[in-house]
PDB file of N, CA and C in Angstrom:
ATOM      1  N   MET A   1     -55.086 -93.886-118.720  1.00  0.00           N
ATOM      2  CA  MET A   1     -55.083 -92.692-119.345  1.00  0.00           C
ATOM      3  C   MET A   1     -53.831 -92.282-119.181  1.00  0.00           C
ATOM      4  N   VAL A   2     -53.403 -91.682-120.305  1.00  0.00           N
ATOM      5  CA  VAL A   2     -51.601 -91.234-120.486  1.00  0.00           C
ATOM      6  C   VAL A   2     -51.931 -89.591-120.125  1.00  0.00           C
ATOM      7  N   ASN A   3     -51.187 -89.025-119.609  1.00  0.00           N
ATOM      8  CA  ASN A   3     -50.969 -87.723-119.215  1.00  0.00           C
ATOM      9  C   ASN A   3     -49.806 -87.257-119.753  1.00  0.00           C
ATOM     10  N   PHE A   4     -49.418 -86.510-120.703  1.00  0.00           N
ATOM     11  CA  PHE A   4     -48.183 -85.626-120.636  1.00  0.00           C
ATOM     12  C   PHE A   4     -47.545 -84.672-120.429  1.00  0.00           C
ATOM     13  N   ASN A   5     -46.620 -84.632-119.602  1.00  0.00           N
ATOM     14  CA  ASN A   5     -46.538 -82.913-119.409  1.00  0.00           C
ATOM     15  C   ASN A   5     -45.116 -82.338-119.773  1.00  0.00           C
ATOM     16  N   ALA A   6     -45.112 -81.153-120.781  1.00  0.00           N
ATOM     17  CA  ALA A   6     -43.571 -80.625-121.124  1.00  0.00           C
ATOM     18  C   ALA A   6     -43.197 -79.934-119.830  1.00  0.00           C
ATOM     19  N   GLY A   7     -41.796 -79.666-119.518  1.00  0.00           N
ATOM     20  CA  GLY A   7     -41.089 -79.920-118.754  1.00  0.00           C
ATOM     21  C   GLY A   7     -40.221 -78.133-118.917  1.00  0.00           C
ATOM     22  N   LEU A   8     -39.631 -77.949-118.276  1.00  0.00           N
ATOM     23  CA  LEU A   8     -38.871 -76.384-118.730  1.00  0.00           C
ATOM     24  C   LEU A   8     -37.127 -76.323-119.566  1.00  0.00           C
ATOM     25  N   SER A   9     -37.302 -77.351-120.586  1.00  0.00           N
ATOM     26  CA  SER A   9     -36.466 -77.300-121.309  1.00  0.00           C
ATOM     27  C   SER A   9     -36.512 -76.918-122.647  1.00  0.00           C
ATOM     28  N   GLY A  10     -36.018 -76.307-124.138  1.00  0.00           N
ATOM     29  CA  GLY A  10     -35.891 -75.549-124.731  1.00  0.00           C
ATOM     30  C   GLY A  10     -36.892 -76.552-126.326  1.00  0.00           C
ATOM     31  N   ASP A  11     -36.516 -77.606-126.245  1.00  0.00           N
ATOM     32  CA  ASP A  11     -37.799 -78.837-126.265  1.00  0.00           C
ATOM     33  C   ASP A  11     -38.172 -79.870-125.998  1.00  0.00           C
ATOM     34  N   ALA A  12     -39.243 -79.463-125.331  1.00  0.00           N
ATOM     35  CA  ALA A  12     -39.814 -80.586-124.409  1.00  0.00           C
ATOM     36  C   ALA A  12     -40.723 -81.597-124.969  1.00  0.00           C
ATOM     37  N   THR A  13     -40.814 -81.711-126.443  1.00  0.00           N
ATOM     38  CA  THR A  13     -41.810 -82.226-126.615  1.00  0.00           C
ATOM     39  C   THR A  13     -41.042 -83.557-127.319  1.00  0.00           C
ATOM     40  N   LEU A  14     -42.235 -84.766-127.638  1.00  0.00           N
ATOM     41  CA  LEU A  14     -42.032 -85.804-127.946  1.00  0.00           C
ATOM     42  C   LEU A  14     -42.590 -86.172-129.478  1.00  0.00           C
ATOM     43  N   SER A  15     -41.580 -86.937-130.179  1.00  0.00           N
ATOM     44  CA  SER A  15     -41.984 -87.207-131.470  1.00  0.00           C
ATOM     45  C   SER A  15     -42.677 -87.672-131.579  1.00  0.00           C
ATOM     46  N   ALA A  16     -42.891 -89.325-131.023  1.00  0.00           N
ATOM     47  CA  ALA A  16     -43.728 -90.382-130.627  1.00  0.00           C
ATOM     48  C   ALA A  16     -43.736 -91.053-129.523  1.00  0.00           C
ATOM     49  N   LEU A  17     -44.793 -91.777-129.332  1.00  0.00           N
ATOM     50  CA  LEU A  17     -45.310 -92.442-128.256  1.00  0.00           C
ATOM     51  C   LEU A  17     -46.086 -93.663-128.794  1.00  0.00           C
ATOM     52  N   THR A  18     -45.783 -94.979-128.140  1.00  0.00           N
ATOM     53  CA  THR A  18     -46.617 -95.927-128.304  1.00  0.00           C
ATOM     54  C   THR A  18     -46.479 -96.898-126.851  1.00  0.00           C
ATOM     55  N   LEU A  19     -46.922 -97.672-127.247  1.00  0.00           N
ATOM     56  CA  LEU A  19     -47.775 -98.837-126.037  1.00  0.00           C
ATOM     57  C   LEU A  19     -47.407 -99.994-126.106  1.00  0.00           C
ATOM     58  N   GLY A  20     -46.747-100.810-125.730  1.00  0.00           N
ATOM     59  CA  GLY A  20     -46.462-101.939-125.854  1.00  0.00           C
ATOM     60  C   GLY A  20     -47.429-102.833-125.125  1.00  0.00           C
ATOM     61  N   GLY A  21     -48.629-103.248-125.404  1.00  0.00           N
ATOM     62  CA  GLY A  21     -49.787-104.073-124.674  1.00  0.00           C
ATOM     63  C   GLY A  21     -51.260-103.653-124.832  1.00  0.00           C
ATOM     64  N   GLY A  22     -51.123-102.326-125.415  1.00  0.00           N
ATOM     65  CA  GLY A  22     -51.937-101.060-125.985  1.00  0.00           C
ATOM     66  C   GLY A  22     -51.773-100.524-126.915  1.00  0.00           C
ATOM     67  N   ALA A  23     -53.229-100.296-127.317  1.00  0.00           N
ATOM     68  CA  ALA A  23     -53.076 -98.698-128.508  1.00  0.00           C
ATOM     69  C   ALA A  23     -53.580 -97.463-127.814  1.00  0.00           C
ATOM     70  N   LEU A  24     -53.165 -96.648-128.030  1.00  0.00           N
ATOM     71  CA  LEU A  24     -53.871 -95.146-128.128  1.00  0.00           C
ATOM     72  C   LEU A  24     -54.971 -94.979-128.716  1.00  0.00           C
ATOM     73  N   SER A  25     -55.136 -94.470-128.178  1.00  0.00           N
ATOM     74  CA  SER A  25     -57.318 -94.142-128.583  1.00  0.00           C
ATOM     75  C   SER A  25     -57.216 -93.549-129.838  1.00  0.00           C
ATOM     76  N   SER A  26     -55.908 -92.039-129.788  1.00  0.00           N
ATOM     77  CA  SER A  26     -55.862 -91.384-130.968  1.00  0.00           C
ATOM     78  C   SER A  26     -54.532 -91.858-131.572  1.00  0.00           C
ATOM     79  N   PRO A  27     -54.494 -91.213-133.266  1.00  0.00           N
ATOM     80  CA  PRO A  27     -52.665 -91.165-133.362  1.00  0.00           C
ATOM     81  C   PRO A  27     -52.287 -90.122-132.977  1.00  0.00           C
ATOM     82  N   PHE A  28     -50.937 -90.721-132.715  1.00  0.00           N
ATOM     83  CA  PHE A  28     -50.096 -89.702-131.758  1.00  0.00           C
ATOM     84  C   PHE A  28     -49.741 -88.180-132.581  1.00  0.00           C
ATOM     85  N   ALA A  29     -50.100 -86.764-131.556  1.00  0.00           N
ATOM     86  CA  ALA A  29     -49.737 -85.804-132.366  1.00  0.00           C
ATOM     87  C   ALA A  29     -48.751 -84.830-131.305  1.00  0.00           C
ATOM     88  N   PRO A  30     -47.320 -84.400-131.812  1.00  0.00           N
ATOM     89  CA  PRO A  30     -46.692 -83.550-130.134  1.00  0.00           C
ATOM     90  C   PRO A  30     -47.225 -82.462-129.793  1.00  0.00           C
ATOM     91  N   SER A  31     -48.773 -82.369-130.139  1.00  0.00           N
ATOM     92  CA  SER A  31     -49.830 -80.857-129.643  1.00  0.00           C
ATOM     93  C   SER A  31     -50.633 -81.963-128.819  1.00  0.00           C
ATOM     94  N   ILE A  32     -51.382 -82.893-128.778  1.00  0.00           N
ATOM     95  CA  ILE A  32     -52.174 -83.093-127.817  1.00  0.00           C
ATOM     96  C   ILE A  32     -51.288 -84.423-126.239  1.00  0.00           C
ATOM     97  N   THR A  33     -51.630 -83.895-125.203  1.00  0.00           N
ATOM     98  CA  THR A  33     -51.225 -83.931-124.434  1.00  0.00           C
ATOM     99  C   THR A  33     -52.109 -85.284-123.022  1.00  0.00           C
ATOM    100  N   ASP A  34     -52.982 -85.692-123.328  1.00  0.00           N
ATOM    101  CA  ASP A  34     -53.621 -86.538-123.320  1.00  0.00           C
ATOM    102  C   ASP A  34     -53.936 -87.623-124.159  1.00  0.00           C
ATOM    103  N   TYR A  35     -54.006 -88.696-123.648  1.00  0.00           N
ATOM    104  CA  TYR A  35     -54.077 -89.745-124.353  1.00  0.00           C
ATOM    105  C   TYR A  35     -55.455 -90.527-123.626  1.00  0.00           C
ATOM    106  N   GLY A  36     -55.966 -91.475-124.252  1.00  0.00           N
ATOM    107  CA  GLY A  36     -56.798 -92.813-123.435  1.00  0.00           C
ATOM    108  C   GLY A  36     -56.253 -94.285-123.875  1.00  0.00           C
ATOM    109  N   SER A  37     -56.533 -94.942-123.456  1.00  0.00           N
ATOM    110  CA  SER A  37     -56.114 -96.865-123.923  1.00  0.00           C
ATOM    111  C   SER A  37     -57.051 -97.418-123.319  1.00  0.00           C
ATOM    112  N   THR A  38     -57.702 -98.763-124.139  1.00  0.00           N
ATOM    113  CA  THR A  38     -58.759 -99.337-123.677  1.00  0.00           C
ATOM    114  C   THR A  38     -57.696-100.973-123.775  1.00  0.00           C
ATOM    115  N   VAL A  39     -57.873-102.039-122.692  1.00  0.00           N
ATOM    116  CA  VAL A  39     -56.796-102.907-122.818  1.00  0.00           C
ATOM    117  C   VAL A  39     -57.634-104.264-122.329  1.00  0.00           C
ATOM    118  N   ASP A  40     -57.587-105.092-122.933  1.00  0.00           N
ATOM    119  CA  ASP A  40     -58.232-106.529-122.359  1.00  0.00           C
ATOM    120  C   ASP A  40     -58.253-106.751-120.702  1.00  0.00           C
ATOM    121  N   ASN A  41     -58.894-107.196-119.944  1.00  0.00           N
ATOM    122  CA  ASN A  41     -59.313-107.048-118.859  1.00  0.00           C
ATOM    123  C   ASN A  41     -58.057-108.141-118.300  1.00  0.00           C
ATOM    124  N   ALA A  42     -57.576-109.164-119.146  1.00  0.00           N
ATOM    125  CA  ALA A  42     -56.270-109.893-118.856  1.00  0.00           C
ATOM    126  C   ALA A  42     -54.992-109.124-118.892  1.00  0.00           C
ATOM    127  N   THR A  43     -55.195-108.412-119.589  1.00  0.00           N
ATOM    128  CA  THR A  43     -53.709-107.378-119.538  1.00  0.00           C
ATOM    129  C   THR A  43     -53.180-106.986-118.056  1.00  0.00           C
ATOM    130  N   THR A  44     -52.378-107.411-117.220  1.00  0.00           N
ATOM    131  CA  THR A  44     -51.969-106.737-116.116  1.00  0.00           C
ATOM    132  C   THR A  44     -50.955-106.061-116.397  1.00  0.00           C
ATOM    133  N   ALA A  45     -50.034-105.810-117.133  1.00  0.00           N
ATOM    134  CA  ALA A  45     -49.300-104.548-117.316  1.00  0.00           C
ATOM    135  C   ALA A  45     -49.157-104.217-119.037  1.00  0.00           C
ATOM    136  N   ILE A  46     -48.505-102.817-118.847  1.00  0.00           N
ATOM    137  CA  ILE A  46     -47.893-102.233-120.268  1.00  0.00           C
ATOM    138  C   ILE A  46     -46.537-101.628-120.176  1.00  0.00           C
ATOM    139  N   THR A  47     -46.081-100.716-120.977  1.00  0.00           N
ATOM    140  CA  THR A  47     -45.004-100.612-120.766  1.00  0.00           C
ATOM    141  C   THR A  47     -45.115 -99.120-122.375  1.00  0.00           C
ATOM    142  N   VAL A  48     -44.668 -98.046-121.655  1.00  0.00           N
ATOM    143  CA  VAL A  48     -44.358 -97.253-122.710  1.00  0.00           C
ATOM    144  C   VAL A  48     -43.061 -96.603-123.336  1.00  0.00           C
ATOM    145  N   THR A  49     -43.629 -96.238-124.660  1.00  0.00           N
ATOM    146  CA  THR A  49     -41.661 -95.742-125.711  1.00  0.00           C
ATOM    147  C   THR A  49     -42.234 -95.102-125.768  1.00  0.00           C
ATOM    148  N   PRO A  50     -41.526 -93.184-125.384  1.00  0.00           N
ATOM    149  CA  PRO A  50     -41.626 -92.273-125.720  1.00  0.00           C
ATOM    150  C   PRO A  50     -40.405 -92.083-126.561  1.00  0.00           C
ATOM    151  N   THR A  51     -40.533 -91.177-127.315  1.00  0.00           N
ATOM    152  CA  THR A  51     -39.699 -90.925-128.596  1.00  0.00           C
ATOM    153  C   THR A  51     -39.265 -89.435-128.538  1.00  0.00           C
ATOM    154  N   MET A  52     -38.328 -89.063-127.412  1.00  0.00           N
ATOM    155  CA  MET A  52     -38.063 -87.051-127.500  1.00  0.00           C
ATOM    156  C   MET A  52     -37.891 -87.033-128.795  1.00  0.00           C
ATOM    157  N   THR A  53     -38.186 -85.366-128.762  1.00  0.00           N
ATOM    158  CA  THR A  53     -37.576 -84.728-130.878  1.00  0.00           C
ATOM    159  C   THR A  53     -36.296 -84.210-130.083  1.00  0.00           C
ATOM    160  N   HIS A  54     -36.095 -83.827-128.962  1.00  0.00           N
ATOM    161  CA  HIS A  54     -35.130 -82.814-129.534  1.00  0.00           C
ATOM    162  C   HIS A  54     -33.439 -84.372-128.150  1.00  0.00           C
ATOM    163  N   ALA A  55     -32.543 -84.819-128.432  1.00  0.00           N
ATOM    164  CA  ALA A  55     -31.912 -85.251-128.009  1.00  0.00           C
ATOM    165  C   ALA A  55     -31.200 -85.122-126.943  1.00  0.00           C
ATOM    166  N   ALA A  56     -31.319 -84.187-126.715  1.00  0.00           N
ATOM    167  CA  ALA A  56     -30.477 -83.566-124.924  1.00  0.00           C
ATOM    168  C   ALA A  56     -32.114 -83.621-123.770  1.00  0.00           C
ATOM    169  N   ALA A  57     -33.079 -83.668-124.561  1.00  0.00           N
ATOM    170  CA  ALA A  57     -34.643 -84.023-123.860  1.00  0.00           C
ATOM    171  C   ALA A  57     -34.045 -84.957-123.008  1.00  0.00           C
ATOM    172  N   THR A  58     -34.796 -84.917-121.691  1.00  0.00           N
ATOM    173  CA  THR A  58     -34.782 -86.185-120.747  1.00  0.00           C
ATOM    174  C   THR A  58     -36.605 -86.466-120.680  1.00  0.00           C
ATOM    175  N   VAL A  59     -36.433 -87.674-119.958  1.00  0.00           N
ATOM    176  CA  VAL A  59     -38.082 -88.276-119.664  1.00  0.00           C
ATOM    177  C   VAL A  59     -38.343 -89.233-118.972  1.00  0.00           C
ATOM    178  N   LYS A  60     -39.409 -89.019-118.085  1.00  0.00           N
ATOM    179  CA  LYS A  60     -39.765 -89.733-117.515  1.00  0.00           C
ATOM    180  C   LYS A  60     -41.227 -90.631-117.208  1.00  0.00           C
ATOM    181  N   VAL A  61     -41.528 -91.662-117.280  1.00  0.00           N
ATOM    182  CA  VAL A  61     -42.320 -92.250-117.065  1.00  0.00           C
ATOM    183  C   VAL A  61     -43.107 -92.757-115.893  1.00  0.00           C
ATOM    184  N   ASN A  62     -43.692 -92.314-115.159  1.00  0.00           N
ATOM    185  CA  ASN A  62     -43.957 -92.012-113.829  1.00  0.00           C
ATOM    186  C   ASN A  62     -43.110 -92.224-112.568  1.00  0.00           C
ATOM    187  N   GLY A  63     -42.437 -91.277-113.141  1.00  0.00           N
ATOM    188  CA  GLY A  63     -41.301 -91.015-111.880  1.00  0.00           C
ATOM    189  C   GLY A  63     -40.027 -91.455-112.437  1.00  0.00           C
ATOM    190  N   VAL A  64     -40.220 -92.092-113.353  1.00  0.00           N
ATOM    191  CA  VAL A  64     -38.733 -93.304-113.361  1.00  0.00           C
ATOM    192  C   VAL A  64     -38.167 -92.734-115.050  1.00  0.00           C
ATOM    193  N   GLY A  65     -36.938 -92.517-115.022  1.00  0.00           N
ATOM    194  CA  GLY A  65     -36.404 -92.266-116.372  1.00  0.00           C
ATOM    195  C   GLY A  65     -36.330 -93.265-117.474  1.00  0.00           C
ATOM    196  N   VAL A  66     -36.752 -92.805-118.537  1.00  0.00           N
ATOM    197  CA  VAL A  66     -36.568 -93.745-119.805  1.00  0.00           C
ATOM    198  C   VAL A  66     -35.909 -93.248-120.402  1.00  0.00           C
ATOM    199  N   ALA A  67     -34.821 -94.089-121.578  1.00  0.00           N
ATOM    200  CA  ALA A  67     -34.064 -93.542-122.550  1.00  0.00           C
ATOM    201  C   ALA A  67     -35.273 -93.480-123.323  1.00  0.00           C
ATOM    202  N   SER A  68     -34.771 -92.110-124.577  1.00  0.00           N
ATOM    203  CA  SER A  68     -36.288 -91.936-125.858  1.00  0.00           C
ATOM    204  C   SER A  68     -35.891 -93.134-126.751  1.00  0.00           C
ATOM    205  N   GLY A  69     -36.950 -93.685-127.178  1.00  0.00           N
ATOM    206  CA  GLY A  69     -36.951 -95.228-127.802  1.00  0.00           C
ATOM    207  C   GLY A  69     -37.466 -96.134-127.803  1.00  0.00           C
ATOM    208  N   ALA A  70     -36.746 -96.300-125.956  1.00  0.00           N
ATOM    209  CA  ALA A  70     -36.979 -97.531-125.766  1.00  0.00           C
ATOM    210  C   ALA A  70     -38.515 -97.640-124.486  1.00  0.00           C
ATOM    211  N   PRO A  71     -38.712 -98.533-124.352  1.00  0.00           N
ATOM    212  CA  PRO A  71     -40.078 -98.641-123.392  1.00  0.00           C
ATOM    213  C   PRO A  71     -39.717 -98.981-121.348  1.00  0.00           C
ATOM    214  N   SER A  72     -40.565 -98.229-121.269  1.00  0.00           N
ATOM    215  CA  SER A  72     -40.156 -98.180-119.939  1.00  0.00           C
ATOM    216  C   SER A  72     -40.605 -99.657-119.103  1.00  0.00           C
ATOM    217  N   THR A  73     -39.916 -99.825-117.965  1.00  0.00           N
ATOM    218  CA  THR A  73     -40.319-100.730-117.596  1.00  0.00           C
ATOM    219  C   THR A  73     -41.541-101.061-117.588  1.00  0.00           C
ATOM    220  N   PRO A  74     -42.040-102.438-117.132  1.00  0.00           N
ATOM    221  CA  PRO A  74     -43.655-102.256-117.150  1.00  0.00           C
ATOM    222  C   PRO A  74     -44.419-101.870-116.025  1.00  0.00           C
ATOM    223  N   ILE A  75     -45.722-101.789-116.588  1.00  0.00           N
ATOM    224  CA  ILE A  75     -46.613-100.822-115.382  1.00  0.00           C
ATOM    225  C   ILE A  75     -47.464-101.317-115.145  1.00  0.00           C
ATOM    226  N   SER A  76     -47.806-101.872-113.838  1.00  0.00           N
ATOM    227  CA  SER A  76     -48.852-102.495-113.565  1.00  0.00           C
ATOM    228  C   SER A  76     -50.229-101.976-113.997  1.00  0.00           C
ATOM    229  N   LEU A  77     -51.367-102.813-114.060  1.00  0.00           N
ATOM    230  CA  LEU A  77     -52.721-102.098-114.197  1.00  0.00           C
ATOM    231  C   LEU A  77     -53.769-102.276-113.522  1.00  0.00           C
ATOM    232  N   ASN A  78     -54.849-102.356-112.954  1.00  0.00           N
ATOM    233  CA  ASN A  78     -55.543-102.266-112.415  1.00  0.00           C
ATOM    234  C   ASN A  78     -56.963-102.280-112.692  1.00  0.00           C
ATOM    235  N   VAL A  79     -58.162-103.160-112.198  1.00  0.00           N
ATOM    236  CA  VAL A  79     -58.801-103.224-113.100  1.00  0.00           C
ATOM    237  C   VAL A  79     -59.281-101.397-113.270  1.00  0.00           C
ATOM    238  N   GLY A  80     -60.016-100.729-114.002  1.00  0.00           N
ATOM    239  CA  GLY A  80     -60.945 -99.551-114.068  1.00  0.00           C
ATOM    240  C   GLY A  80     -59.977 -99.020-114.275  1.00  0.00           C
ATOM    241  N   ALA A  81     -59.614 -97.260-114.394  1.00  0.00           N
ATOM    242  CA  ALA A  81     -58.769 -96.621-114.998  1.00  0.00           C
ATOM    243  C   ALA A  81     -57.401 -96.484-113.900  1.00  0.00           C
ATOM    244  N   ASN A  82     -56.803 -96.423-115.269  1.00  0.00           N
ATOM    245  CA  ASN A  82     -55.081 -96.337-114.689  1.00  0.00           C
ATOM    246  C   ASN A  82     -54.515 -94.978-114.831  1.00  0.00           C
ATOM    247  N   GLU A  83     -53.826 -93.841-114.656  1.00  0.00           N
ATOM    248  CA  GLU A  83     -52.456 -93.002-114.822  1.00  0.00           C
ATOM    249  C   GLU A  83     -51.599 -93.199-114.927  1.00  0.00           C
ATOM    250  N   ILE A  84     -51.126 -92.892-115.931  1.00  0.00           N
ATOM    251  CA  ILE A  84     -49.747 -93.190-116.346  1.00  0.00           C
ATOM    252  C   ILE A  84     -49.154 -91.642-116.645  1.00  0.00           C
ATOM    253  N   THR A  85     -47.716 -90.760-115.809  1.00  0.00           N
ATOM    254  CA  THR A  85     -47.627 -89.639-116.460  1.00  0.00           C
ATOM    255  C   THR A  85     -46.322 -89.986-117.084  1.00  0.00           C
ATOM    256  N   ILE A  86     -45.878 -88.815-118.183  1.00  0.00           N
ATOM    257  CA  ILE A  86     -44.621 -88.853-118.507  1.00  0.00           C
ATOM    258  C   ILE A  86     -44.761 -87.583-118.896  1.00  0.00           C
ATOM    259  N   GLU A  87     -43.262 -87.104-118.181  1.00  0.00           N
ATOM    260  CA  GLU A  87     -42.634 -85.846-118.590  1.00  0.00           C
ATOM    261  C   GLU A  87     -41.032 -85.473-118.887  1.00  0.00           C
ATOM    262  N   VAL A  88     -41.851 -84.727-119.998  1.00  0.00           N
ATOM    263  CA  VAL A  88     -40.304 -84.568-120.637  1.00  0.00           C
ATOM    264  C   VAL A  88     -39.505 -82.958-120.484  1.00  0.00           C
ATOM    265  N   LYS A  89     -38.107 -83.251-120.043  1.00  0.00           N
ATOM    266  CA  LYS A  89     -37.921 -81.909-120.197  1.00  0.00           C
ATOM    267  C   LYS A  89     -36.413 -81.465-120.552  1.00  0.00           C
TER     268      LYS A  89
END
């Protein structure tokens, strides 16, 4: 599950969101804040690439800063549900 939390900035939205090693369960839309993804059991990590709408906004993936349009560091996956949090401010 991928959760997107908007922060307090004037434009805390994403213009794009992709996963490296997986795909979102539904096409990206700025108004959708929860996504799912199913990956092969052999997949041990994925990356998240968020792209902000506003150039001055900042984004964190699982609490770690990520540049707009750049992939996060690999996120280890466990068998079963894994929650990844994205916060834009």
